[in-house]
Amino acid sequence: MSDFLSLHDAEQIAQEAAPVARPGLTRVFTGMLRSPAQTLSEAFAHPIQGYAMFFAAVGGIYWALNVAIAQAAGQTLPLPILLSAVVLLGICGGIAYLFALTILLNWSCDIMGGTATRKQIRMLLAYVGVPGIVALALFGVPRILIFGQSLFLPTRPWMSASPVLVWGLWFGDAMCFAWSLWLTVKALKLSNDFSTGRAMAVMALPLGPVALIGILFVLIAGVGLFTAPVW
């Protein structure tokens, strides 16, 4: 009997040590569109960190593009250089965001009695960013092709050029953002066996430290402004 148990244990150890077959980035992407629950379950069972980095980096490009539009960064930079900066900073920012928010969500999950590991949370954050990649392809890139340099100018001439088109593109962005939030709730429920309410509470908890840091930064900046010497 002991020999049988030893053989069974050896087979189980060998199965766990066997290399995991990578599903491929394309399959993961289409899986998040067609069957997100199954795709997320597979990601939590075998958290492939390279995949998390890839999706976080591409999602970062989408957010960097929106920041560049909001900040009207095209006034001082030509379009090719600006877009190159968006790609480079978006990749770096997306990966940095992945690790920073993982720490906060891991803390939040622990408080709410969750069991997700940091690797699983990184997979969660990266995969629920797929709607952002969809928005980049369907609304971000077309916006650049249609409006060009004017998209990044402070006068914003593109907003009055075709209001229906502009608001249609923004509506598409908003729908993708809502889709991403829905996926985040779903992923938190799957990875921690949470109810919907508890998953939403986990999402809300990190807002506290972020708000406190923001308030502290404003206070420090205000003190520095009012105590600076006047020449």
Protein backbone atom coordinates (compact mmCIF):
# COMPACT_ATOMS: atom_id res chain seq x y z
CA MET A 1 0.00 0.00 0.00
CA SER A 2 2.81 2.38 0.91
CA ASP A 3 4.50 1.58 -2.42
CA PHE A 4 1.29 2.47 -4.25
CA LEU A 5 1.00 5.77 -2.34
CA SER A 6 4.61 6.58 -3.10
CA LEU A 7 4.04 5.89 -6.80
CA HIS A 8 0.87 8.01 -6.77
CA ASP A 9 2.68 10.87 -5.03
CA ALA A 10 5.53 10.67 -7.52
CA GLU A 11 3.11 10.87 -10.45
CA GLN A 12 1.33 13.87 -8.90
CA ILE A 13 4.62 15.68 -8.31
CA ALA A 14 5.68 14.96 -11.89
CA GLN A 15 2.39 16.36 -13.23
CA GLU A 16 2.76 19.53 -11.16
CA ALA A 17 6.36 19.98 -12.29
CA ALA A 18 5.54 19.44 -15.97
CA PRO A 19 5.79 22.60 -18.10
CA VAL A 20 2.48 24.36 -18.70
CA ALA A 21 1.32 24.52 -22.31
CA ARG A 22 1.02 28.19 -23.22
CA PRO A 23 -2.34 28.93 -24.85
CA GLY A 24 -0.96 31.78 -26.99
CA LEU A 25 -1.68 35.49 -26.79
CA THR A 26 -4.25 35.38 -29.59
CA ARG A 27 -6.23 32.65 -27.85
CA VAL A 28 -6.15 34.56 -24.57
CA PHE A 29 -7.35 37.72 -26.29
CA THR A 30 -10.24 36.01 -28.08
CA GLY A 31 -10.99 34.03 -24.92
CA MET A 32 -11.50 37.24 -22.94
CA LEU A 33 -13.98 38.35 -25.61
CA ARG A 34 -15.90 35.08 -25.91
CA SER A 35 -15.57 33.25 -22.58
CA PRO A 36 -13.89 35.47 -19.98
CA ALA A 37 -14.75 33.21 -17.02
CA GLN A 38 -12.99 30.20 -18.52
CA THR A 39 -10.02 32.25 -19.70
CA LEU A 40 -9.61 33.86 -16.28
CA SER A 41 -9.90 30.49 -14.52
CA GLU A 42 -7.12 29.10 -16.71
CA ALA A 43 -5.00 32.18 -16.03
CA PHE A 44 -5.43 31.81 -12.26
CA ALA A 45 -4.55 28.11 -12.42
CA HIS A 46 -1.38 28.81 -14.44
CA PRO A 47 -0.41 32.49 -14.05
CA ILE A 48 2.00 33.12 -16.94
CA GLN A 49 3.63 36.39 -15.99
CA GLY A 50 4.93 37.11 -19.49
CA TYR A 51 1.34 37.30 -20.70
CA ALA A 52 0.45 39.69 -17.87
CA MET A 53 3.35 41.97 -18.86
CA PHE A 54 2.30 41.99 -22.51
CA PHE A 55 -1.33 42.90 -21.91
CA ALA A 56 -0.38 45.49 -19.27
CA ALA A 57 2.09 47.12 -21.68
CA VAL A 58 -0.43 47.37 -24.54
CA GLY A 59 -3.09 48.65 -22.18
CA GLY A 60 -0.61 51.26 -20.96
CA ILE A 61 -0.29 52.61 -24.51
CA TYR A 62 -4.04 53.19 -24.60
CA TRP A 63 -3.98 55.19 -21.36
CA ALA A 64 -0.84 57.12 -22.40
CA LEU A 65 -2.64 58.14 -25.60
CA ASN A 66 -5.60 59.47 -23.61
CA VAL A 67 -3.27 61.39 -21.29
CA ALA A 68 -1.45 62.93 -24.27
CA ILE A 69 -4.80 64.05 -25.74
CA ALA A 70 -5.97 65.48 -22.41
CA GLN A 71 -2.67 67.31 -21.84
CA ALA A 72 -2.56 68.65 -25.43
CA ALA A 73 1.03 67.42 -25.76
CA GLY A 74 1.20 68.09 -29.51
CA GLN A 75 1.86 71.80 -29.16
CA THR A 76 5.60 71.32 -28.69
CA LEU A 77 6.24 67.91 -30.28
CA PRO A 78 5.76 66.75 -33.90
CA LEU A 79 3.32 63.88 -34.31
CA PRO A 80 5.86 61.06 -35.01
CA ILE A 81 7.91 61.92 -31.91
CA LEU A 82 4.79 62.33 -29.80
CA LEU A 83 3.41 58.94 -30.82
CA SER A 84 6.79 57.30 -30.17
CA ALA A 85 6.78 58.84 -26.69
CA VAL A 86 3.21 57.61 -26.12
CA VAL A 87 4.24 54.05 -27.01
CA LEU A 88 7.42 54.07 -24.91
CA LEU A 89 5.92 55.75 -21.85
CA GLY A 90 2.73 53.70 -22.19
CA ILE A 91 4.65 50.41 -22.09
CA CYS A 92 6.68 51.48 -19.04
CA GLY A 93 3.67 53.03 -17.31
CA GLY A 94 1.44 50.03 -17.96
CA ILE A 95 3.91 47.60 -16.38
CA ALA A 96 4.59 49.94 -13.44
CA TYR A 97 0.84 50.34 -12.91
CA LEU A 98 0.45 46.55 -12.97
CA PHE A 99 2.87 46.04 -10.08
CA ALA A 100 1.75 49.07 -8.05
CA LEU A 101 -1.96 48.25 -8.22
CA THR A 102 -1.22 44.58 -7.52
CA ILE A 103 0.16 45.57 -4.12
CA LEU A 104 -2.95 47.59 -3.30
CA LEU A 105 -5.39 44.93 -4.50
CA ASN A 106 -3.48 42.21 -2.67
CA TRP A 107 -3.80 44.24 0.53
CA SER A 108 -7.49 44.83 -0.18
CA CYS A 109 -8.14 41.13 -0.85
CA ASP A 110 -6.40 40.17 2.41
CA ILE A 111 -8.61 42.55 4.38
CA MET A 112 -11.75 41.08 2.79
CA GLY A 113 -10.62 37.49 3.38
CA GLY A 114 -9.51 36.74 -0.17
CA THR A 115 -7.05 34.04 -1.22
CA ALA A 116 -5.65 35.37 -4.53
CA THR A 117 -1.86 35.49 -4.79
CA ARG A 118 0.01 38.45 -6.25
CA LYS A 119 0.71 36.46 -9.44
CA GLN A 120 -3.00 35.82 -9.85
CA ILE A 121 -3.84 39.48 -9.21
CA ARG A 122 -1.33 40.53 -11.88
CA MET A 123 -3.05 38.18 -14.33
CA LEU A 124 -6.40 39.63 -13.29
CA LEU A 125 -5.35 43.23 -13.83
CA ALA A 126 -3.69 42.52 -17.17
CA TYR A 127 -6.48 40.41 -18.64
CA VAL A 128 -9.31 42.76 -17.65
CA GLY A 129 -7.41 45.39 -19.66
CA VAL A 130 -8.40 43.64 -22.91
CA PRO A 131 -11.32 46.10 -23.42
CA GLY A 132 -8.74 48.89 -23.35
CA ILE A 133 -6.85 47.16 -26.16
CA VAL A 134 -10.11 46.87 -28.09
CA ALA A 135 -10.73 50.58 -27.51
CA LEU A 136 -7.21 51.41 -28.72
CA ALA A 137 -7.76 49.49 -31.95
CA LEU A 138 -11.34 50.58 -32.64
CA PHE A 139 -11.38 54.15 -31.31
CA GLY A 140 -7.84 55.31 -30.46
CA VAL A 141 -5.99 54.55 -33.71
CA PRO A 142 -8.90 55.75 -35.93
CA ARG A 143 -8.98 58.98 -33.89
CA ILE A 144 -5.30 59.57 -34.73
CA LEU A 145 -5.79 58.72 -38.41
CA ILE A 146 -8.78 61.06 -38.74
CA PHE A 147 -7.63 64.08 -36.74
CA GLY A 148 -3.82 63.78 -36.83
CA GLN A 149 -1.79 66.46 -35.07
CA SER A 150 -4.88 68.53 -34.22
CA LEU A 151 -5.91 65.79 -31.78
CA PHE A 152 -3.10 66.91 -29.46
CA LEU A 153 -3.44 70.70 -29.75
CA PRO A 154 -4.76 72.83 -26.83
CA THR A 155 -7.30 74.63 -29.06
CA ARG A 156 -8.91 71.23 -29.79
CA PRO A 157 -10.18 72.04 -33.30
CA TRP A 158 -11.04 68.38 -33.81
CA MET A 159 -13.90 68.58 -31.29
CA SER A 160 -15.86 71.00 -33.44
CA ALA A 161 -14.92 69.41 -36.78
CA SER A 162 -17.39 66.53 -36.45
CA PRO A 163 -19.22 66.46 -33.09
CA VAL A 164 -21.17 63.29 -33.92
CA LEU A 165 -17.97 61.41 -34.78
CA VAL A 166 -16.13 62.76 -31.73
CA TRP A 167 -18.85 61.82 -29.28
CA GLY A 168 -19.31 58.46 -30.97
CA LEU A 169 -15.63 57.67 -30.40
CA TRP A 170 -15.80 58.82 -26.78
CA PHE A 171 -18.94 56.74 -26.22
CA GLY A 172 -17.07 53.69 -27.50
CA ASP A 173 -14.28 54.42 -25.03
CA ALA A 174 -16.78 54.72 -22.19
CA MET A 175 -18.40 51.40 -23.09
CA CYS A 176 -15.02 49.66 -23.08
CA PHE A 177 -14.21 51.20 -19.70
CA ALA A 178 -17.51 49.92 -18.24
CA TRP A 179 -16.78 46.51 -19.79
CA SER A 180 -13.37 46.46 -18.08
CA LEU A 181 -14.93 47.29 -14.70
CA TRP A 182 -17.44 44.46 -15.14
CA LEU A 183 -14.60 42.04 -15.95
CA THR A 184 -12.70 43.20 -12.86
CA VAL A 185 -15.64 42.37 -10.60
CA LYS A 186 -16.01 38.99 -12.32
CA ALA A 187 -12.30 38.23 -11.97
CA LEU A 188 -12.22 39.15 -8.27
CA LYS A 189 -15.19 36.87 -7.66
CA LEU A 190 -13.51 33.97 -9.46
CA SER A 191 -10.07 34.36 -7.90
CA ASN A 192 -11.29 34.81 -4.31
CA ASP A 193 -14.71 33.13 -4.28
CA PHE A 194 -16.24 36.51 -3.42
CA SER A 195 -19.80 37.74 -3.76
CA THR A 196 -20.44 40.66 -6.09
CA GLY A 197 -20.68 43.06 -3.15
CA ARG A 198 -17.40 41.91 -1.63
CA ALA A 199 -15.63 42.11 -4.99
CA MET A 200 -16.83 45.71 -5.41
CA ALA A 201 -15.63 46.51 -1.88
CA VAL A 202 -12.18 45.14 -2.77
CA MET A 203 -12.10 47.51 -5.75
CA ALA A 204 -13.15 50.46 -3.58
CA LEU A 205 -10.73 49.91 -0.67
CA PRO A 206 -7.54 51.00 -2.53
CA LEU A 207 -9.17 54.36 -3.27
CA GLY A 208 -8.63 55.31 0.38
CA PRO A 209 -4.80 55.18 0.38
CA VAL A 210 -4.69 56.74 -3.09
CA ALA A 211 -6.88 59.63 -1.93
CA LEU A 212 -4.77 60.11 1.22
CA ILE A 213 -1.57 60.22 -0.82
CA GLY A 214 -3.17 62.76 -3.16
CA ILE A 215 -4.31 64.94 -0.25
CA LEU A 216 -0.85 64.73 1.34
CA PHE A 217 0.77 65.74 -1.94
CA VAL A 218 -1.58 68.75 -2.28
CA LEU A 219 -0.88 69.82 1.31
CA ILE A 220 2.88 69.59 0.82
CA ALA A 221 2.65 71.50 -2.45
CA GLY A 222 0.44 74.13 -0.80
CA VAL A 223 2.79 74.59 2.15
CA GLY A 224 5.71 74.95 -0.21
CA LEU A 225 3.85 77.51 -2.31
CA PHE A 226 2.75 79.70 0.61
CA THR A 227 6.06 79.52 2.48
CA ALA A 228 8.25 80.20 -0.55
CA PRO A 229 10.17 83.50 -0.29
CA VAL A 230 8.82 86.40 -2.37
CA TRP A 231 11.46 88.30 -4.29
